[in-house]
N, C-alpha and C. Protein backbone atom coordinates (compact mmCIF):
# COMPACT_ATOMS: atom_id res chain seq x y z
N UNK A 1 -20.81 0.62 28.42
CA UNK A 1 -21.75 0.67 27.38
C UNK A 1 -21.09 1.73 26.42
N UNK A 2 -20.21 2.69 26.99
CA UNK A 2 -20.14 3.79 25.89
C UNK A 2 -18.99 3.58 25.22
N UNK A 3 -18.46 2.54 25.65
CA UNK A 3 -16.83 1.79 25.35
C UNK A 3 -17.53 0.91 23.69
N UNK A 4 -18.62 0.21 24.31
CA UNK A 4 -19.24 -0.48 23.18
C UNK A 4 -19.47 0.15 21.91
N UNK A 5 -20.17 1.11 22.34
CA UNK A 5 -20.87 2.03 21.42
C UNK A 5 -19.67 2.66 20.47
N UNK A 6 -18.68 3.15 21.50
CA UNK A 6 -17.84 3.77 20.48
C UNK A 6 -16.83 2.35 19.44
N UNK A 7 -16.55 1.11 19.93
CA UNK A 7 -16.20 0.09 19.26
C UNK A 7 -17.05 -0.39 18.15
N UNK A 8 -18.55 -0.12 18.05
CA UNK A 8 -19.07 -0.38 17.08
C UNK A 8 -19.51 0.44 15.99
N UNK A 9 -19.14 1.73 16.34
CA UNK A 9 -19.13 2.92 15.38
C UNK A 9 -18.12 2.97 14.38
N UNK A 10 -16.88 2.53 14.95
CA UNK A 10 -15.57 2.06 13.60
C UNK A 10 -14.85 3.29 13.49
N UNK A 11 -15.28 4.47 14.70
CA UNK A 11 -14.90 5.43 14.80
C UNK A 11 -13.36 5.50 15.27
N UNK A 12 -12.06 6.12 14.65
CA UNK A 12 -10.75 5.43 14.61
C UNK A 12 -10.16 6.33 16.01
N UNK A 13 -10.45 7.77 15.53
CA UNK A 13 -10.24 9.16 16.09
C UNK A 13 -11.04 10.07 16.26
N UNK A 14 -11.30 10.45 17.29
CA UNK A 14 -12.21 12.02 17.11
C UNK A 14 -12.74 11.94 18.74
N UNK A 15 -13.92 12.16 18.91
CA UNK A 15 -14.57 12.65 20.12
C UNK A 15 -15.74 11.86 20.34
N UNK A 16 -15.81 11.67 21.67
CA UNK A 16 -17.25 10.74 21.96
C UNK A 16 -17.74 11.90 22.81
N UNK A 17 -18.62 12.47 22.49
CA UNK A 17 -19.40 13.57 23.58
C UNK A 17 -20.72 12.46 24.33
N UNK A 18 -20.83 12.62 25.23
CA UNK A 18 -21.80 11.88 26.17
C UNK A 18 -22.75 12.93 26.50
N UNK A 19 -24.01 12.96 26.02
CA UNK A 19 -25.12 13.83 26.50
C UNK A 19 -26.16 13.46 27.59
N UNK A 20 -26.35 13.91 28.01
CA UNK A 20 -27.68 13.59 28.92
C UNK A 20 -29.11 15.00 28.88
N UNK A 21 -29.96 14.48 28.19
CA UNK A 21 -31.15 15.35 28.00
C UNK A 21 -32.43 15.75 29.23
N UNK A 22 -31.54 15.72 30.53
CA UNK A 22 -32.57 15.67 31.42
C UNK A 22 -32.00 16.45 32.75
N UNK A 23 -33.12 17.48 33.16
CA UNK A 23 -32.53 17.83 34.14
C UNK A 23 -32.15 17.73 35.43
N UNK A 24 -32.56 16.26 35.72
CA UNK A 24 -32.59 15.95 37.15
C UNK A 24 -31.11 14.66 37.02
N UNK A 25 -30.44 14.76 35.48
CA UNK A 25 -29.65 13.83 35.26
C UNK A 25 -28.35 14.69 35.14
N UNK A 26 -27.21 13.89 35.16
CA UNK A 26 -26.17 14.22 34.72
C UNK A 26 -24.77 13.22 34.33
N UNK A 27 -23.78 13.92 33.55
CA UNK A 27 -22.50 12.50 33.93
C UNK A 27 -21.36 13.35 34.22
N UNK A 28 -20.29 12.41 34.90
CA UNK A 28 -19.06 13.22 35.22
C UNK A 28 -18.04 11.71 34.80
N UNK A 29 -16.66 12.27 35.02
CA UNK A 29 -15.82 10.92 35.09
C UNK A 29 -14.74 11.13 36.55
N UNK A 30 -14.91 9.91 37.13
CA UNK A 30 -14.14 9.75 38.30
C UNK A 30 -13.45 8.58 38.41
N UNK A 31 -12.86 8.45 39.58
CA UNK A 31 -11.94 7.05 39.90
C UNK A 31 -13.26 5.90 39.76
N UNK A 32 -12.74 4.85 39.28
CA UNK A 32 -14.04 3.88 39.42
C UNK A 32 -13.00 2.74 39.39
N UNK A 33 -11.93 2.33 39.59
CA UNK A 33 -10.96 0.85 40.04
C UNK A 33 -11.43 0.53 41.40
N UNK A 34 -11.83 0.66 42.20
CA UNK A 34 -12.59 0.39 43.54
C UNK A 34 -13.70 0.23 43.59
N UNK A 35 -14.39 -0.83 43.94
CA UNK A 35 -15.59 -0.46 43.47
C UNK A 35 -16.15 0.24 44.81
N UNK A 36 -15.35 0.65 46.12
CA UNK A 36 -16.46 1.13 47.18
C UNK A 36 -16.03 2.74 46.89
N UNK A 37 -15.21 3.38 45.76
CA UNK A 37 -15.32 4.79 45.07
C UNK A 37 -17.15 5.27 44.81
N UNK A 38 -17.54 4.27 43.85
CA UNK A 38 -19.08 4.54 43.77
C UNK A 38 -20.26 4.73 44.81
N UNK A 39 -19.80 3.57 45.46
CA UNK A 39 -20.41 3.23 47.20
C UNK A 39 -20.48 4.77 48.05
N UNK A 40 -18.98 5.02 48.04
CA UNK A 40 -18.97 6.01 49.10
C UNK A 40 -19.33 7.40 48.48
N UNK A 41 -19.47 7.46 46.96
CA UNK A 41 -19.94 8.65 46.57
C UNK A 41 -21.20 8.77 46.87
N UNK A 42 -22.06 7.77 46.41
CA UNK A 42 -23.62 7.27 46.78
C UNK A 42 -23.72 7.84 48.62
N UNK A 43 -22.83 7.74 49.29
CA UNK A 43 -22.98 7.37 50.89
C UNK A 43 -22.86 9.44 51.27
N UNK A 44 -21.70 9.46 50.47
CA UNK A 44 -21.31 11.29 51.05
C UNK A 44 -23.17 12.28 50.45
N UNK A 45 -23.18 11.66 49.20
CA UNK A 45 -24.23 12.43 48.49
C UNK A 45 -25.55 12.86 49.00
N UNK A 46 -25.68 11.13 49.53
CA UNK A 46 -27.11 10.85 50.94
C UNK A 46 -26.89 11.57 52.03
N UNK A 47 -25.66 11.98 52.94
CA UNK A 47 -25.68 12.92 53.62
C UNK A 47 -25.64 13.97 53.70
N UNK A 48 -25.25 14.61 52.51
CA UNK A 48 -25.19 16.05 52.02
C UNK A 48 -26.75 16.17 51.56
N UNK A 49 -27.14 15.39 50.78
CA UNK A 49 -28.33 16.20 50.51
C UNK A 49 -29.40 14.42 49.98
N UNK A 50 -30.03 14.58 51.39
CA UNK A 50 -31.05 13.26 51.68
C UNK A 50 -31.91 13.51 50.86
N UNK A 51 -32.52 12.27 49.68
CA UNK A 51 -33.51 11.72 49.41
C UNK A 51 -34.85 12.33 49.77
N UNK A 52 -34.95 12.11 51.33
CA UNK A 52 -36.22 12.07 52.06
C UNK A 52 -36.07 13.38 52.90
N UNK A 53 -36.40 14.33 52.77
CA UNK A 53 -36.37 15.77 53.88
C UNK A 53 -37.37 16.69 53.80
N UNK A 54 -37.51 17.47 54.21
CA UNK A 54 -38.82 18.75 54.13
C UNK A 54 -38.37 19.49 52.92
N UNK A 55 -38.24 18.89 51.72
CA UNK A 55 -38.63 19.54 50.50
C UNK A 55 -39.95 19.97 50.34
N UNK A 56 -39.88 21.44 49.58
CA UNK A 56 -41.28 21.91 49.34
C UNK A 56 -41.64 21.64 48.00
N UNK A 57 -40.71 21.27 47.13
CA UNK A 57 -41.12 20.72 45.88
C UNK A 57 -41.34 19.00 45.95
N UNK A 58 -42.39 18.71 45.72
CA UNK A 58 -42.89 17.17 45.79
C UNK A 58 -43.24 16.43 44.94
N UNK A 59 -42.06 16.64 43.69
CA UNK A 59 -42.52 15.78 42.22
C UNK A 59 -41.62 14.63 42.81
N UNK A 60 -41.18 14.21 43.53
CA UNK A 60 -40.30 12.90 44.43
C UNK A 60 -38.93 13.21 43.47
N UNK A 61 -38.36 14.04 42.81
CA UNK A 61 -36.96 14.16 42.77
C UNK A 61 -36.73 15.47 43.09
N UNK A 62 -37.06 15.95 44.41
CA UNK A 62 -36.42 17.33 44.99
C UNK A 62 -34.86 17.30 45.33
N UNK A 63 -34.29 15.88 45.56
CA UNK A 63 -32.76 16.00 45.69
C UNK A 63 -32.40 15.75 44.78
N UNK A 64 -32.58 15.83 43.37
CA UNK A 64 -32.14 15.19 42.18
C UNK A 64 -30.96 16.25 41.87
N UNK A 65 -31.00 17.44 42.21
CA UNK A 65 -29.71 18.33 42.10
C UNK A 65 -28.41 17.92 42.79
N UNK A 66 -28.29 17.27 43.46
CA UNK A 66 -26.97 16.57 44.07
C UNK A 66 -25.91 16.22 43.27
N UNK A 67 -26.44 15.59 41.95
CA UNK A 67 -25.49 15.49 41.14
C UNK A 67 -24.69 16.49 41.01
N UNK A 68 -25.17 17.88 41.06
CA UNK A 68 -24.36 18.80 40.77
C UNK A 68 -22.59 19.01 41.82
N UNK A 69 -23.41 18.71 42.94
CA UNK A 69 -22.13 18.37 44.01
C UNK A 69 -20.98 17.42 43.75
N UNK A 70 -21.32 16.63 43.02
CA UNK A 70 -20.66 15.52 42.41
C UNK A 70 -19.77 15.73 41.13
N UNK A 71 -19.80 17.05 40.84
CA UNK A 71 -18.82 17.61 39.15
C UNK A 71 -19.62 17.33 38.31
N UNK A 72 -20.99 16.52 38.14
CA UNK A 72 -21.93 16.32 37.36
C UNK A 72 -22.21 17.36 36.53
N UNK A 73 -22.39 17.32 35.25
CA UNK A 73 -22.77 18.42 34.23
C UNK A 73 -23.57 17.63 32.95
N UNK A 74 -24.41 18.09 32.43
CA UNK A 74 -25.15 17.22 31.34
C UNK A 74 -24.62 16.59 30.05
N UNK A 75 -23.46 17.34 30.27
CA UNK A 75 -22.41 16.45 29.04
C UNK A 75 -20.83 16.16 29.85
N UNK A 76 -20.06 15.34 29.09
CA UNK A 76 -18.56 15.10 28.83
C UNK A 76 -18.24 14.70 27.43
N UNK A 77 -17.01 15.08 27.60
CA UNK A 77 -16.40 14.49 26.03
C UNK A 77 -15.31 14.16 26.38
N UNK A 78 -14.89 12.98 25.76
CA UNK A 78 -13.65 11.62 25.92
C UNK A 78 -13.20 11.63 24.27
N UNK A 79 -11.67 11.53 24.34
CA UNK A 79 -10.78 11.34 23.43
C UNK A 79 -11.49 10.25 22.88
N UNK A 80 -11.14 10.05 21.60
CA UNK A 80 -10.93 8.66 21.20
C UNK A 80 -9.96 8.42 19.88
N UNK A 81 -9.03 7.47 20.70
CA UNK A 81 -7.89 7.58 20.18
C UNK A 81 -7.32 5.81 19.68
N UNK A 82 -7.37 5.39 18.20
CA UNK A 82 -7.03 4.26 18.00
C UNK A 82 -8.29 3.38 18.48
N UNK A 83 -9.57 3.99 18.35
CA UNK A 83 -10.99 3.11 18.65
C UNK A 83 -11.22 3.10 20.04
N UNK A 84 -10.28 3.47 20.81
CA UNK A 84 -10.71 3.42 22.18
C UNK A 84 -10.46 4.61 22.80
N UNK A 85 -11.68 4.94 24.09
CA UNK A 85 -11.83 5.82 25.12
C UNK A 85 -10.37 6.18 25.34
N UNK A 86 -10.61 7.67 25.56
CA UNK A 86 -8.78 7.70 26.50
C UNK A 86 -9.22 8.58 27.70
N UNK A 87 -9.14 7.99 28.69
CA UNK A 87 -9.42 7.94 29.91
C UNK A 87 -8.20 7.52 30.71
N UNK A 88 -7.97 8.13 31.99
CA UNK A 88 -6.98 7.88 33.28
C UNK A 88 -7.24 6.47 33.55
N UNK A 89 -5.85 5.64 33.79
CA UNK A 89 -6.11 4.35 34.22
C UNK A 89 -7.20 3.74 35.08
N UNK A 90 -7.84 4.80 35.84
CA UNK A 90 -8.45 4.08 36.68
C UNK A 90 -9.91 5.25 36.83
N UNK A 91 -10.39 5.87 35.86
CA UNK A 91 -11.52 6.80 35.28
C UNK A 91 -12.49 6.05 34.45
N UNK A 92 -13.87 6.33 34.84
CA UNK A 92 -14.57 6.17 34.02
C UNK A 92 -15.70 7.01 34.17
N UNK A 93 -16.66 7.01 33.45
CA UNK A 93 -17.71 7.75 33.14
C UNK A 93 -18.87 7.27 34.08
N UNK A 94 -19.66 8.23 34.54
CA UNK A 94 -20.63 8.04 35.98
C UNK A 94 -21.68 8.74 35.37
N UNK A 95 -22.91 8.20 35.08
CA UNK A 95 -24.10 8.88 34.99
C UNK A 95 -24.95 8.69 36.53
N UNK A 96 -25.34 10.19 36.59
CA UNK A 96 -25.47 10.60 38.24
C UNK A 96 -27.26 10.89 38.15
């Protein structure tokens, strides 16, 4: 989705700021060439911070801070060069 937005913007060189304006969401850059990587990330997060536990916070999103454990932050910045996102060979932007 981000690549499409950059392509449609016709911006050739610069920065792509990806920002998530929500306290229980984040973005990060991680390896994504192997489809098992996102699955393994979710499995590890489920073990470390399960969605259902004895949380006192009962709004249904008590486990949401788990995005912090995976390196997530409210924003990432990716370089744009010649109309393309500059990411490592195996990298992708993840929404957490």
